[in-house]
Amino acid sequence: LFGRSLLKAYATDLGFRAQGLLTAAFAAPSPGTPESAQLPRLQEALLGQLADMPGVQSASLASSGLLSTVHARVPVQASGSGAAALAVDRDFVGPGFLATVGIPLLGGRDFTARDDGGAARVAIVNQTLAARLWPGADPLGRTMLAPDSTGKPTPTEVVGVARDAKYGSVWEEAQPYVYQPAAQGRYPGSCLMVR
């Protein structure tokens, strides 16, 4: 039984490309400290050094690790729908995160360096969240209310739709999930992804 379960786990489609992906987690300083103000510059330098290494195709950061049980759960709802908010897991990710981990975009675009704190708030939703917020409709360009760094529901434009992936366990069913740019969030990326 254990052997069959293990084989089944290895054969499960994770929704991302695990082969050739290196992940690492590190402790990040608490938001609001002098050290946290220096973190974005240090992370940008780290990503630049990694990009120059032989064999590295891409690298990005995230606030949560892949197949991690630690995710921030937040309420989101389609703007103007009047429907109750859905509790969904959220990850703040760096530019090129989806391409780095190998989660296919089904529509729209990945985050770029232009999606910073001074830009309009944007998000990428997965298939399951798109179907729940806008059943039968194209979510691209639509607005949803998602908490900002203070927790206040803020209009956020959907710029991409990502394929469903396994976020917490290889056994989980498809879960609604939202990605937001790390530069628009309060929590620094503490998980490194290198392809």
N, C-alpha and C. Protein backbone atom coordinates (compact mmCIF):
# COMPACT_ATOMS: atom_id res chain seq x y z
N LEU A 1 0.83 -1.19 0.00
CA LEU A 1 0.00 0.00 0.00
C LEU A 1 0.88 1.26 0.00
N PHE A 2 1.93 1.25 0.84
CA PHE A 2 2.83 2.40 0.89
C PHE A 2 3.50 2.59 -0.47
N GLY A 3 3.96 1.51 -1.06
CA GLY A 3 4.64 1.59 -2.37
C GLY A 3 3.72 2.13 -3.44
N ARG A 4 2.47 1.65 -3.48
CA ARG A 4 1.51 2.14 -4.47
C ARG A 4 1.21 3.62 -4.25
N SER A 5 1.07 4.01 -3.00
CA SER A 5 0.81 5.41 -2.70
C SER A 5 1.98 6.28 -3.14
N LEU A 6 3.19 5.81 -2.91
CA LEU A 6 4.37 6.56 -3.31
C LEU A 6 4.46 6.69 -4.82
N LEU A 7 4.19 5.61 -5.54
CA LEU A 7 4.20 5.67 -7.00
C LEU A 7 3.13 6.62 -7.52
N LYS A 8 1.95 6.59 -6.88
CA LYS A 8 0.88 7.48 -7.30
C LYS A 8 1.28 8.93 -7.07
N ALA A 9 1.95 9.22 -5.95
CA ALA A 9 2.39 10.59 -5.66
C ALA A 9 3.39 11.06 -6.71
N TYR A 10 4.31 10.18 -7.10
CA TYR A 10 5.30 10.56 -8.11
C TYR A 10 4.67 10.78 -9.49
N ALA A 11 3.54 10.11 -9.76
CA ALA A 11 2.88 10.23 -11.05
C ALA A 11 1.87 11.37 -11.10
N THR A 12 1.61 12.00 -9.96
CA THR A 12 0.63 13.08 -9.90
C THR A 12 1.11 14.32 -10.65
N ASP A 13 0.21 14.90 -11.43
CA ASP A 13 0.52 16.15 -12.12
C ASP A 13 0.46 17.28 -11.09
N LEU A 14 1.60 17.91 -10.83
CA LEU A 14 1.68 18.95 -9.82
C LEU A 14 1.21 20.31 -10.35
N GLY A 15 1.14 20.45 -11.66
CA GLY A 15 0.77 21.73 -12.25
C GLY A 15 1.96 22.64 -12.47
N PHE A 16 3.14 22.24 -12.00
CA PHE A 16 4.37 22.96 -12.27
C PHE A 16 5.45 21.95 -12.61
N ARG A 17 6.57 22.42 -13.19
CA ARG A 17 7.65 21.52 -13.61
C ARG A 17 8.68 21.40 -12.48
N ALA A 18 8.63 20.29 -11.76
CA ALA A 18 9.54 20.09 -10.63
C ALA A 18 10.96 19.76 -11.10
N GLN A 19 11.08 19.07 -12.23
CA GLN A 19 12.40 18.68 -12.72
C GLN A 19 13.20 19.92 -13.10
N GLY A 20 14.41 20.02 -12.58
CA GLY A 20 15.28 21.14 -12.88
C GLY A 20 14.98 22.39 -12.08
N LEU A 21 14.14 22.27 -11.06
CA LEU A 21 13.78 23.42 -10.24
C LEU A 21 14.42 23.28 -8.87
N LEU A 22 15.18 24.28 -8.48
CA LEU A 22 15.81 24.32 -7.16
C LEU A 22 15.06 25.33 -6.32
N THR A 23 14.71 24.96 -5.09
CA THR A 23 14.03 25.89 -4.20
C THR A 23 14.82 26.01 -2.91
N ALA A 24 14.76 27.17 -2.30
CA ALA A 24 15.42 27.40 -1.02
C ALA A 24 14.61 28.43 -0.25
N ALA A 25 14.58 28.29 1.04
CA ALA A 25 13.89 29.26 1.90
C ALA A 25 14.91 29.91 2.81
N PHE A 26 14.67 31.16 3.13
CA PHE A 26 15.56 31.88 4.04
C PHE A 26 14.74 32.80 4.92
N ALA A 27 15.32 33.20 6.04
CA ALA A 27 14.63 34.10 6.96
C ALA A 27 14.73 35.53 6.43
N ALA A 28 13.62 36.20 6.35
CA ALA A 28 13.59 37.60 5.92
C ALA A 28 13.30 38.48 7.12
N PRO A 29 13.86 39.69 7.14
CA PRO A 29 13.57 40.58 8.28
C PRO A 29 12.10 40.96 8.32
N SER A 30 11.62 41.27 9.50
CA SER A 30 10.22 41.65 9.68
C SER A 30 9.93 42.96 8.96
N PRO A 31 8.72 43.07 8.37
CA PRO A 31 8.35 44.33 7.71
C PRO A 31 8.43 45.50 8.68
N GLY A 32 8.89 46.65 8.16
CA GLY A 32 8.97 47.85 8.98
C GLY A 32 10.29 48.05 9.68
N THR A 33 11.19 47.08 9.62
CA THR A 33 12.50 47.23 10.25
C THR A 33 13.48 47.85 9.25
N PRO A 34 14.57 48.47 9.75
CA PRO A 34 15.57 49.04 8.83
C PRO A 34 16.14 47.99 7.87
N GLU A 35 16.29 46.77 8.35
CA GLU A 35 16.83 45.71 7.50
C GLU A 35 15.90 45.38 6.34
N SER A 36 14.58 45.44 6.61
CA SER A 36 13.60 45.10 5.56
C SER A 36 13.63 46.12 4.43
N ALA A 37 14.01 47.36 4.74
CA ALA A 37 14.09 48.39 3.70
C ALA A 37 15.22 48.09 2.71
N GLN A 38 16.26 47.40 3.17
CA GLN A 38 17.40 47.06 2.30
C GLN A 38 17.16 45.77 1.51
N LEU A 39 16.18 44.98 1.95
CA LEU A 39 15.98 43.66 1.36
C LEU A 39 15.71 43.68 -0.14
N PRO A 40 14.82 44.52 -0.67
CA PRO A 40 14.58 44.49 -2.12
C PRO A 40 15.85 44.69 -2.95
N ARG A 41 16.72 45.59 -2.52
CA ARG A 41 17.97 45.82 -3.25
C ARG A 41 18.87 44.59 -3.20
N LEU A 42 18.96 43.96 -2.03
CA LEU A 42 19.78 42.76 -1.89
C LEU A 42 19.22 41.60 -2.71
N GLN A 43 17.89 41.46 -2.70
CA GLN A 43 17.27 40.39 -3.48
C GLN A 43 17.48 40.61 -4.98
N GLU A 44 17.38 41.84 -5.43
CA GLU A 44 17.61 42.14 -6.85
C GLU A 44 19.05 41.79 -7.24
N ALA A 45 20.00 42.09 -6.35
CA ALA A 45 21.40 41.74 -6.62
C ALA A 45 21.59 40.23 -6.67
N LEU A 46 20.94 39.51 -5.76
CA LEU A 46 21.02 38.05 -5.74
C LEU A 46 20.46 37.46 -7.02
N LEU A 47 19.29 37.93 -7.44
CA LEU A 47 18.69 37.42 -8.67
C LEU A 47 19.56 37.73 -9.88
N GLY A 48 20.20 38.89 -9.89
CA GLY A 48 21.11 39.24 -10.98
C GLY A 48 22.32 38.32 -11.03
N GLN A 49 22.88 38.00 -9.87
CA GLN A 49 24.03 37.09 -9.81
C GLN A 49 23.63 35.68 -10.25
N LEU A 50 22.45 35.25 -9.83
CA LEU A 50 21.99 33.92 -10.24
C LEU A 50 21.78 33.86 -11.75
N ALA A 51 21.23 34.91 -12.33
CA ALA A 51 20.97 34.94 -13.78
C ALA A 51 22.26 34.81 -14.58
N ASP A 52 23.36 35.27 -14.00
CA ASP A 52 24.66 35.21 -14.68
C ASP A 52 25.35 33.85 -14.53
N MET A 53 24.82 32.98 -13.69
CA MET A 53 25.47 31.68 -13.46
C MET A 53 25.18 30.73 -14.62
N PRO A 54 26.19 29.95 -15.03
CA PRO A 54 25.98 28.98 -16.11
C PRO A 54 24.89 27.98 -15.73
N GLY A 55 24.02 27.71 -16.67
CA GLY A 55 22.97 26.71 -16.47
C GLY A 55 21.68 27.26 -15.88
N VAL A 56 21.72 28.46 -15.32
CA VAL A 56 20.51 29.05 -14.74
C VAL A 56 19.70 29.70 -15.85
N GLN A 57 18.46 29.25 -16.01
CA GLN A 57 17.57 29.83 -17.02
C GLN A 57 16.81 31.03 -16.48
N SER A 58 16.35 30.93 -15.22
CA SER A 58 15.61 32.03 -14.60
C SER A 58 15.56 31.80 -13.10
N ALA A 59 15.25 32.88 -12.39
CA ALA A 59 15.12 32.81 -10.93
C ALA A 59 14.08 33.84 -10.50
N SER A 60 13.38 33.53 -9.43
CA SER A 60 12.37 34.44 -8.91
C SER A 60 12.19 34.17 -7.42
N LEU A 61 11.42 35.02 -6.78
CA LEU A 61 11.15 34.90 -5.35
C LEU A 61 9.65 34.77 -5.10
N ALA A 62 9.31 34.21 -3.95
CA ALA A 62 7.91 34.09 -3.54
C ALA A 62 7.84 34.20 -2.02
N SER A 63 6.67 34.55 -1.52
CA SER A 63 6.49 34.62 -0.07
C SER A 63 6.17 33.25 0.52
N SER A 64 5.76 32.29 -0.32
CA SER A 64 5.47 30.93 0.14
C SER A 64 6.19 29.94 -0.74
N GLY A 65 6.53 28.79 -0.17
CA GLY A 65 7.19 27.75 -0.95
C GLY A 65 6.19 26.88 -1.68
N LEU A 66 6.68 26.15 -2.67
CA LEU A 66 5.85 25.18 -3.38
C LEU A 66 5.57 24.00 -2.46
N LEU A 67 4.37 23.46 -2.56
CA LEU A 67 3.93 22.35 -1.73
C LEU A 67 4.19 22.63 -0.25
N SER A 68 3.84 23.83 0.15
CA SER A 68 3.98 24.27 1.53
C SER A 68 2.60 24.42 2.15
N THR A 69 2.51 24.09 3.41
CA THR A 69 1.22 24.26 4.10
C THR A 69 1.06 25.65 4.66
N VAL A 70 2.08 26.51 4.47
CA VAL A 70 2.03 27.87 4.99
C VAL A 70 1.72 28.84 3.85
N HIS A 71 0.47 29.28 3.80
CA HIS A 71 0.02 30.25 2.81
C HIS A 71 -0.87 31.26 3.53
N ALA A 72 -0.83 32.49 3.06
CA ALA A 72 -1.71 33.51 3.62
C ALA A 72 -3.09 33.34 2.99
N ARG A 73 -4.11 33.24 3.82
CA ARG A 73 -5.49 33.11 3.33
C ARG A 73 -6.16 34.47 3.47
N VAL A 74 -6.71 34.95 2.36
CA VAL A 74 -7.31 36.28 2.33
C VAL A 74 -8.68 36.23 1.66
N PRO A 75 -9.56 37.20 1.98
CA PRO A 75 -10.86 37.27 1.31
C PRO A 75 -10.75 38.06 0.00
N VAL A 76 -11.30 37.51 -1.07
CA VAL A 76 -11.36 38.23 -2.35
C VAL A 76 -12.77 38.09 -2.91
N GLN A 77 -13.18 39.07 -3.70
CA GLN A 77 -14.48 39.00 -4.36
C GLN A 77 -14.44 39.82 -5.64
N ALA A 78 -15.28 39.43 -6.58
CA ALA A 78 -15.39 40.16 -7.83
C ALA A 78 -16.01 41.52 -7.53
N SER A 79 -15.42 42.59 -8.05
CA SER A 79 -15.93 43.94 -7.81
C SER A 79 -17.35 44.08 -8.34
N GLY A 80 -18.21 44.65 -7.52
CA GLY A 80 -19.58 44.92 -7.93
C GLY A 80 -20.49 43.73 -7.99
N SER A 81 -20.01 42.55 -7.61
CA SER A 81 -20.84 41.35 -7.73
C SER A 81 -21.86 41.23 -6.61
N GLY A 82 -21.53 41.79 -5.45
CA GLY A 82 -22.42 41.63 -4.30
C GLY A 82 -22.33 40.27 -3.65
N ALA A 83 -21.57 39.35 -4.26
CA ALA A 83 -21.41 38.01 -3.69
C ALA A 83 -20.48 38.07 -2.48
N ALA A 84 -20.62 37.11 -1.62
CA ALA A 84 -19.75 37.03 -0.45
C ALA A 84 -18.31 36.79 -0.90
N ALA A 85 -17.38 37.27 -0.12
CA ALA A 85 -15.97 37.09 -0.43
C ALA A 85 -15.58 35.63 -0.25
N LEU A 86 -14.67 35.18 -1.10
CA LEU A 86 -14.11 33.83 -0.99
C LEU A 86 -12.80 33.90 -0.22
N ALA A 87 -12.55 32.95 0.66
CA ALA A 87 -11.26 32.85 1.34
C ALA A 87 -10.33 32.05 0.44
N VAL A 88 -9.26 32.68 -0.02
CA VAL A 88 -8.33 32.02 -0.95
C VAL A 88 -6.90 32.17 -0.45
N ASP A 89 -6.05 31.26 -0.86
CA ASP A 89 -4.64 31.37 -0.54
C ASP A 89 -3.99 32.36 -1.49
N ARG A 90 -3.04 33.15 -0.95
CA ARG A 90 -2.37 34.18 -1.74
C ARG A 90 -0.86 34.03 -1.58
N ASP A 91 -0.16 34.29 -2.68
CA ASP A 91 1.30 34.29 -2.66
C ASP A 91 1.77 35.57 -3.33
N PHE A 92 2.70 36.27 -2.68
CA PHE A 92 3.36 37.41 -3.30
C PHE A 92 4.59 36.88 -4.02
N VAL A 93 4.69 37.13 -5.33
CA VAL A 93 5.77 36.55 -6.13
C VAL A 93 6.49 37.62 -6.93
N GLY A 94 7.71 37.30 -7.32
CA GLY A 94 8.52 38.22 -8.10
C GLY A 94 8.25 38.10 -9.59
N PRO A 95 8.82 39.01 -10.38
CA PRO A 95 8.67 38.95 -11.84
C PRO A 95 9.17 37.61 -12.37
N GLY A 96 8.42 37.06 -13.33
CA GLY A 96 8.81 35.80 -13.96
C GLY A 96 8.63 34.57 -13.10
N PHE A 97 7.91 34.67 -12.00
CA PHE A 97 7.73 33.52 -11.10
C PHE A 97 7.10 32.33 -11.81
N LEU A 98 5.99 32.57 -12.50
CA LEU A 98 5.27 31.46 -13.14
C LEU A 98 6.14 30.76 -14.17
N ALA A 99 6.87 31.52 -14.97
CA ALA A 99 7.76 30.92 -15.96
C ALA A 99 8.87 30.13 -15.28
N THR A 100 9.40 30.65 -14.18
CA THR A 100 10.48 29.97 -13.47
C THR A 100 10.03 28.63 -12.91
N VAL A 101 8.86 28.58 -12.27
CA VAL A 101 8.42 27.32 -11.67
C VAL A 101 7.70 26.43 -12.68
N GLY A 102 7.37 26.98 -13.84
CA GLY A 102 6.75 26.16 -14.88
C GLY A 102 5.25 26.00 -14.73
N ILE A 103 4.58 27.01 -14.17
CA ILE A 103 3.11 27.01 -14.14
C ILE A 103 2.66 27.74 -15.40
N PRO A 104 1.96 27.05 -16.31
CA PRO A 104 1.57 27.69 -17.57
C PRO A 104 0.54 28.80 -17.37
N LEU A 105 0.72 29.87 -18.12
CA LEU A 105 -0.28 30.92 -18.19
C LEU A 105 -1.30 30.53 -19.26
N LEU A 106 -2.57 30.55 -18.93
CA LEU A 106 -3.62 30.21 -19.88
C LEU A 106 -4.12 31.45 -20.61
N GLY A 107 -3.79 32.60 -20.07
CA GLY A 107 -4.16 33.86 -20.69
C GLY A 107 -3.52 35.00 -19.95
N GLY A 108 -3.33 36.11 -20.64
CA GLY A 108 -2.75 37.27 -19.99
C GLY A 108 -1.24 37.22 -19.92
N ARG A 109 -0.70 37.79 -18.83
CA ARG A 109 0.74 37.93 -18.73
C ARG A 109 1.24 37.61 -17.33
N ASP A 110 2.55 37.38 -17.24
CA ASP A 110 3.23 37.19 -15.97
C ASP A 110 3.56 38.57 -15.41
N PHE A 111 3.99 38.65 -14.17
CA PHE A 111 4.40 39.91 -13.59
C PHE A 111 5.76 40.33 -14.14
N THR A 112 5.98 41.64 -14.19
CA THR A 112 7.25 42.21 -14.62
C THR A 112 7.74 43.18 -13.55
N ALA A 113 8.93 43.72 -13.76
CA ALA A 113 9.49 44.70 -12.82
C ALA A 113 8.64 45.97 -12.76
N ARG A 114 7.83 46.23 -13.79
CA ARG A 114 6.97 47.42 -13.77
C ARG A 114 5.82 47.30 -12.78
N ASP A 115 5.51 46.10 -12.32
CA ASP A 115 4.43 45.89 -11.35
C ASP A 115 4.96 46.15 -9.94
N ASP A 116 5.32 47.41 -9.70
CA ASP A 116 5.91 47.76 -8.41
C ASP A 116 4.90 48.49 -7.54
N GLY A 117 5.38 49.01 -6.41
CA GLY A 117 4.49 49.67 -5.46
C GLY A 117 3.82 50.91 -5.99
N GLY A 118 4.40 51.56 -7.03
CA GLY A 118 3.80 52.75 -7.60
C GLY A 118 2.84 52.48 -8.73
N ALA A 119 2.74 51.23 -9.17
CA ALA A 119 1.88 50.87 -10.30
C ALA A 119 0.49 50.48 -9.81
N ALA A 120 -0.45 50.40 -10.74
CA ALA A 120 -1.80 49.93 -10.42
C ALA A 120 -1.72 48.51 -9.88
N ARG A 121 -2.59 48.21 -8.92
CA ARG A 121 -2.57 46.87 -8.30
C ARG A 121 -3.08 45.83 -9.29
N VAL A 122 -2.32 44.73 -9.41
CA VAL A 122 -2.65 43.67 -10.35
C VAL A 122 -2.55 42.32 -9.67
N ALA A 123 -3.14 41.32 -10.31
CA ALA A 123 -3.11 39.96 -9.77
C ALA A 123 -3.21 38.96 -10.92
N ILE A 124 -2.74 37.76 -10.64
CA ILE A 124 -2.95 36.61 -11.51
C ILE A 124 -3.76 35.61 -10.70
N VAL A 125 -4.84 35.11 -11.28
CA VAL A 125 -5.69 34.13 -10.59
C VAL A 125 -5.51 32.77 -11.26
N ASN A 126 -5.75 31.72 -10.50
CA ASN A 126 -5.71 30.40 -11.13
C ASN A 126 -7.08 30.07 -11.72
N GLN A 127 -7.13 28.97 -12.45
CA GLN A 127 -8.37 28.56 -13.14
C GLN A 127 -9.54 28.45 -12.18
N THR A 128 -9.31 27.84 -11.03
CA THR A 128 -10.40 27.59 -10.09
C THR A 128 -10.97 28.90 -9.55
N LEU A 129 -10.10 29.85 -9.20
CA LEU A 129 -10.59 31.12 -8.70
C LEU A 129 -11.32 31.89 -9.79
N ALA A 130 -10.78 31.86 -11.01
CA ALA A 130 -11.44 32.55 -12.14
C ALA A 130 -12.85 32.00 -12.34
N ALA A 131 -13.00 30.67 -12.28
CA ALA A 131 -14.31 30.04 -12.50
C ALA A 131 -15.28 30.37 -11.37
N ARG A 132 -14.77 30.56 -10.17
CA ARG A 132 -15.67 30.86 -9.04
C ARG A 132 -16.09 32.33 -9.02
N LEU A 133 -15.17 33.22 -9.39
CA LEU A 133 -15.51 34.64 -9.35
C LEU A 133 -16.28 35.09 -10.59
N TRP A 134 -15.93 34.54 -11.76
CA TRP A 134 -16.56 34.94 -13.03
C TRP A 134 -16.93 33.69 -13.83
N PRO A 135 -17.91 32.90 -13.38
CA PRO A 135 -18.26 31.66 -14.07
C PRO A 135 -18.65 31.92 -15.53
N GLY A 136 -18.00 31.21 -16.42
CA GLY A 136 -18.31 31.30 -17.85
C GLY A 136 -17.85 32.57 -18.53
N ALA A 137 -17.10 33.43 -17.83
CA ALA A 137 -16.66 34.70 -18.41
C ALA A 137 -15.13 34.78 -18.38
N ASP A 138 -14.59 35.60 -19.26
CA ASP A 138 -13.15 35.83 -19.31
C ASP A 138 -12.77 36.76 -18.16
N PRO A 139 -11.88 36.34 -17.26
CA PRO A 139 -11.53 37.19 -16.12
C PRO A 139 -10.51 38.28 -16.45
N LEU A 140 -9.83 38.19 -17.59
CA LEU A 140 -8.78 39.16 -17.92
C LEU A 140 -9.35 40.57 -18.01
N GLY A 141 -8.70 41.49 -17.33
CA GLY A 141 -9.12 42.89 -17.31
C GLY A 141 -10.20 43.19 -16.29
N ARG A 142 -10.74 42.17 -15.66
CA ARG A 142 -11.77 42.40 -14.64
C ARG A 142 -11.11 42.83 -13.33
N THR A 143 -11.92 43.38 -12.46
CA THR A 143 -11.42 43.88 -11.19
C THR A 143 -12.00 43.05 -10.05
N MET A 144 -11.14 42.75 -9.09
CA MET A 144 -11.59 42.08 -7.87
C MET A 144 -11.11 42.89 -6.69
N LEU A 145 -11.74 42.69 -5.56
CA LEU A 145 -11.32 43.33 -4.33
C LEU A 145 -10.44 42.34 -3.58
N ALA A 146 -9.19 42.75 -3.34
CA ALA A 146 -8.24 41.92 -2.60
C ALA A 146 -7.57 42.80 -1.56
N PRO A 147 -7.22 42.25 -0.41
CA PRO A 147 -6.62 43.08 0.64
C PRO A 147 -5.26 43.64 0.22
N ASP A 148 -5.04 44.93 0.55
CA ASP A 148 -3.71 45.51 0.34
C ASP A 148 -2.84 45.17 1.56
N SER A 149 -1.69 45.80 1.69
CA SER A 149 -0.76 45.46 2.78
C SER A 149 -1.32 45.81 4.15
N THR A 150 -2.35 46.67 4.20
CA THR A 150 -2.97 47.00 5.49
C THR A 150 -4.21 46.15 5.77
N GLY A 151 -4.60 45.32 4.79
CA GLY A 151 -5.79 44.48 4.95
C GLY A 151 -7.05 45.09 4.36
N LYS A 152 -6.94 46.32 3.83
CA LYS A 152 -8.11 46.99 3.27
C LYS A 152 -8.43 46.42 1.89
N PRO A 153 -9.71 46.05 1.62
CA PRO A 153 -10.08 45.56 0.29
C PRO A 153 -9.82 46.65 -0.75
N THR A 154 -9.03 46.30 -1.77
CA THR A 154 -8.57 47.27 -2.76
C THR A 154 -8.82 46.75 -4.16
N PRO A 155 -9.34 47.59 -5.07
CA PRO A 155 -9.53 47.14 -6.45
C PRO A 155 -8.21 46.67 -7.07
N THR A 156 -8.25 45.49 -7.66
CA THR A 156 -7.07 44.85 -8.22
C THR A 156 -7.45 44.26 -9.57
N GLU A 157 -6.70 44.63 -10.61
CA GLU A 157 -7.00 44.14 -11.96
C GLU A 157 -6.38 42.77 -12.20
N VAL A 158 -7.15 41.88 -12.79
CA VAL A 158 -6.65 40.55 -13.16
C VAL A 158 -5.93 40.68 -14.50
N VAL A 159 -4.60 40.40 -14.49
CA VAL A 159 -3.80 40.52 -15.71
C VAL A 159 -3.39 39.16 -16.26
N GLY A 160 -3.69 38.09 -15.53
CA GLY A 160 -3.33 36.76 -16.01
C GLY A 160 -4.15 35.67 -15.36
N VAL A 161 -4.25 34.55 -16.07
CA VAL A 161 -4.90 33.35 -15.54
C VAL A 161 -3.89 32.21 -15.64
N ALA A 162 -3.59 31.60 -14.51
CA ALA A 162 -2.61 30.52 -14.46
C ALA A 162 -3.32 29.18 -14.31
N ARG A 163 -2.68 28.17 -14.82
CA ARG A 163 -3.21 26.80 -14.67
C ARG A 163 -3.20 26.45 -13.18
N ASP A 164 -4.18 25.65 -12.77
CA ASP A 164 -4.21 25.15 -11.39
C ASP A 164 -2.95 24.35 -11.12
N ALA A 165 -2.47 24.42 -9.88
CA ALA A 165 -1.30 23.66 -9.46
C ALA A 165 -1.55 23.12 -8.07
N LYS A 166 -0.65 22.28 -7.61
CA LYS A 166 -0.72 21.78 -6.24
C LYS A 166 0.05 22.78 -5.38
N TYR A 167 -0.60 23.33 -4.38
CA TYR A 167 0.02 24.37 -3.57
C TYR A 167 0.44 23.86 -2.19
N GLY A 168 -0.38 22.99 -1.60
CA GLY A 168 -0.08 22.53 -0.25
C GLY A 168 0.27 21.07 -0.15
N SER A 169 -0.25 20.25 -1.06
CA SER A 169 -0.05 18.81 -0.97
C SER A 169 -0.30 18.18 -2.35
N VAL A 170 0.37 17.07 -2.62
CA VAL A 170 0.14 16.38 -3.89
C VAL A 170 -1.26 15.76 -3.93
N TRP A 171 -1.91 15.64 -2.77
CA TRP A 171 -3.22 14.98 -2.71
C TRP A 171 -4.38 15.95 -2.78
N GLU A 172 -4.14 17.26 -2.71
CA GLU A 172 -5.24 18.20 -2.62
C GLU A 172 -6.01 18.31 -3.93
N GLU A 173 -7.28 18.68 -3.81
CA GLU A 173 -8.10 19.03 -4.96
C GLU A 173 -7.74 20.44 -5.40
N ALA A 174 -8.19 20.84 -6.56
CA ALA A 174 -7.90 22.18 -7.05
C ALA A 174 -8.45 23.23 -6.09
N GLN A 175 -7.60 24.17 -5.71
CA GLN A 175 -7.94 25.22 -4.76
C GLN A 175 -7.90 26.58 -5.45
N PRO A 176 -8.78 27.52 -5.07
CA PRO A 176 -8.67 28.88 -5.61
C PRO A 176 -7.40 29.53 -5.07
N TYR A 177 -6.68 30.24 -5.94
CA TYR A 177 -5.38 30.79 -5.57
C TYR A 177 -5.17 32.09 -6.31
N VAL A 178 -4.54 33.06 -5.65
CA VAL A 178 -4.23 34.34 -6.27
C VAL A 178 -2.76 34.67 -6.04
N TYR A 179 -2.13 35.16 -7.11
CA TYR A 179 -0.75 35.64 -7.04
C TYR A 179 -0.78 37.15 -7.16
N GLN A 180 0.05 37.81 -6.36
CA GLN A 180 0.20 39.26 -6.46
C GLN A 180 1.68 39.60 -6.51
N PRO A 181 2.04 40.73 -7.13
CA PRO A 181 3.46 41.09 -7.23
C PRO A 181 4.07 41.34 -5.85
N ALA A 182 5.25 40.79 -5.63
CA ALA A 182 5.93 40.99 -4.36
C ALA A 182 6.15 42.46 -4.06
N ALA A 183 6.42 43.26 -5.08
CA ALA A 183 6.67 44.69 -4.88
C ALA A 183 5.42 45.45 -4.46
N GLN A 184 4.24 44.83 -4.57
CA GLN A 184 3.01 45.48 -4.15
C GLN A 184 2.51 44.93 -2.82
N GLY A 185 3.31 44.09 -2.19
CA GLY A 185 2.90 43.48 -0.94
C GLY A 185 3.76 43.92 0.22
N ARG A 186 3.34 43.53 1.38
CA ARG A 186 4.03 43.89 2.61
C ARG A 186 5.07 42.85 2.99
N TYR A 187 4.87 41.63 2.52
CA TYR A 187 5.73 40.54 2.96
C TYR A 187 6.84 40.27 1.96
N PRO A 188 8.08 40.30 2.40
CA PRO A 188 9.19 40.08 1.47
C PRO A 188 9.25 38.63 1.03
N GLY A 189 9.77 38.42 -0.18
CA GLY A 189 9.95 37.06 -0.66
C GLY A 189 11.00 36.35 0.17
N SER A 190 10.64 35.21 0.71
CA SER A 190 11.59 34.44 1.51
C SER A 190 11.82 33.06 0.96
N CYS A 191 11.27 32.79 -0.25
CA CYS A 191 11.49 31.51 -0.91
C CYS A 191 12.08 31.80 -2.29
N LEU A 192 13.21 31.19 -2.57
CA LEU A 192 13.91 31.39 -3.83
C LEU A 192 13.62 30.22 -4.75
N MET A 193 13.30 30.52 -6.00
CA MET A 193 13.04 29.49 -7.02
C MET A 193 14.05 29.71 -8.14
N VAL A 194 14.79 28.66 -8.50
CA VAL A 194 15.78 28.76 -9.56
C VAL A 194 15.56 27.65 -10.56
N ARG A 195 15.41 27.99 -11.85
CA ARG A 195 15.24 27.01 -12.92
C ARG A 195 16.59 26.80 -13.57
